[in-house]
Amino acid sequence: MSLPKRDGVHDRYYLIHKPDTSPEVLAEADLCIQDVLNGTARENHSAYPTVVRNHNGTPFLPDQLLERYLTGLPLKGFPCEDAVSLCDAMWRLVGWQEIRYKLEKYIEKQVQERFFLVGERDDGFTVFPPCTVLPELRPEDVDEGLLRFACYVAICHTVYGQSFESLTTEHILGLVSQIRPDMVKELKTNGSGKLPPNIQKRKTKHLTASANDAFATIRITARDCTEGCCDEALSYLVEVLEQPEFPRSYPADVDDNALRFFGPERYHSNEFQDEAYLFIPFDEDYYQAMAKVIEERFTNWQGQDFDEDTLEPSELAEALMEYLDCECTYFPSMKDDDPIMSAYSYAKRESVKEGFVPVLIKADDETLWECLILNSDPDSDGEDDYAFDPDKVADYRKKILSAPVKDSKAVLEALIGQRKEEAEDDDMDWDEEILGEMEGGEPNDRFSSYWDDDTEMTYPLILAKIPVKNPWEIFAYLPFGNWNDCPDTPDLMAAAKYWFEQYGAVPAAMSHDELEFLLPAPVPKEKAMDVAVELYGFCPDLDQNEDGSIGSLADALWQSTVWYFWWD
């Protein structure tokens, strides 16, 4: 069968939402939907956006396949189980974020707009408008299957989504509860009903426990602190997680503690495989540490807020993700960065075995875009609609990655030499006026480049999984330098390579004029001044004291796990 030319971005896939889409392409799309259901479809996220291919190799966007399927379902006698089956198969194949928005919009159109009076938001911080059920509507007028599917979509936002997606869960369940409050109450009380009764609820002389598969929650209340109680609690936890119906969604903080407790070598070994979550030791200090983390997370969650204007990526953010050509996660502007740091920490752990380097990037930074294009595809500089030539960008990356890394020590010594020459030209004494005393430094263990001081919220961010083996190679994908005193790509790579090999420092967050490295531990105090000199050579805007010396920078380094650079 002969198909027309692909009409998606860079000819990577077929579009099926246009009225003039050919019948042959639509037939291939329907075949792809069936392949998703029977497990023979394949996804490809080697470039942006992710596509799904049927067994003939014909590629489509996952959200358009989902939209085509849902649009064909009857709203009276809605086949909830069939719809859930496709959604489950689709998110397992491509990830929840690829279908989240389409599902949210489907519920908005088929439930909210059909059965509710939609009001206006009273302020700029409320994500969803107030909705009141139509006064003449009777519960029996609304298809039960459709409402059950709405509940499914709501719960998926909490179970599989990022923390801010719980707002969508609350909104959709709020809609359903106005029509069928019994349906929402049953879900919150008993889950889907698929778990065995002795798993769903259990009561012994040692503990009372319950599991809700709908919300992926497990509650265990211990009656005592005996060894028998701990054994029962751990046994129950294992039984719940072994249930095929229970969602495989685990808290990153538990995983973080397991990684710290067991160490990376044992954690990533075949002994644990993907079950490190189950190896929670009987250790009071461990439990106290986890309790502190959970309390902090809960406090932050209570005060969380999002900028509704940034909930979806901007045109620039979309272009930047396409330019990066790797797996990316978008984060809207938010008051507390817990979701961002949890996602980054998880990606950093996964990078050990998956072979990528995670980087947090300011998403709506026009100047960053200009720097990237100017370095990797200068012919496209100034193009409208963020256009660029993917082939030229790929050639640039290939050229940079294939070239030998410059002598790191020589690069840093040359940069330090420039700083000394500048000091001499300004008649400043290097030891007394430039270095100064090592005092007055403050510890730094948090990223600061992604905070907006005016709003006291984060900027919209992209967490990119840059597909390189070594941390210093990320600058082949993010060549933001080569202006003023900001080093060019070869020098960025040389310095980053040296600092990784010496101190384990990895580039972790950036904007057009800021770069932050994350370290596993602060540098030794006796080396702090030497490292400060290297950092000052690399970035002369790092003088910390009012008198222009870098002594306080050195004093900060031996107390800090984050290095911050800023170029004027």
Foldseek 3Di string as FASTA:
>chain_A
DDADQADDDVSPAHDDPDPPHDPVNVVQLVQQLVCLLVVNKAWDLLFPPIWIAHPVRHTDQLQRSLVVVVVPADQAVGPLVVNVSSLVSSCVRPNDVSHLVSLLVVCCVSQQVPFWDFDDDPDQFQQGTDTDGDPVDALVVGHPSSLVNLQLSLLCLQQRHFPVSVSSSVVSLVSSCNRPVVVSVCCVQQAPVPDDPCLQWPDDPFWTWGAHQSNLDIDIDGPDDDPVSVVVVLVSVVVQVPDPSRDPGDQLVLVVLLCVVPDLVVSVDPVCPPNSSSPDDPDPVSVVVVVVVVVVVVVCSVVKTFRSVFPDPDLQLSLLSNLLGFDKDKDGKMQDCVSVVSVQVVLCSVCVPPAFHKAKEQRPFPLLLQLLCCQQPVVCRPPPSSDGDSVSLVVLLVVVVVDDQPQLVVLLVVLLVVVVVVCVVVVHDCVPQAANAQDDADADADDDPQADPVVSIGGIIMTGGRRHRDQLSCCSSRQLADDDLQDGSSNSSSNQVVCCVVFVWGWHYDYNFKTKTFGPAFDALVCLSVVLSSVCSNAVVCQDDPSNYNSNVSNHRNRYRMDMHGHD
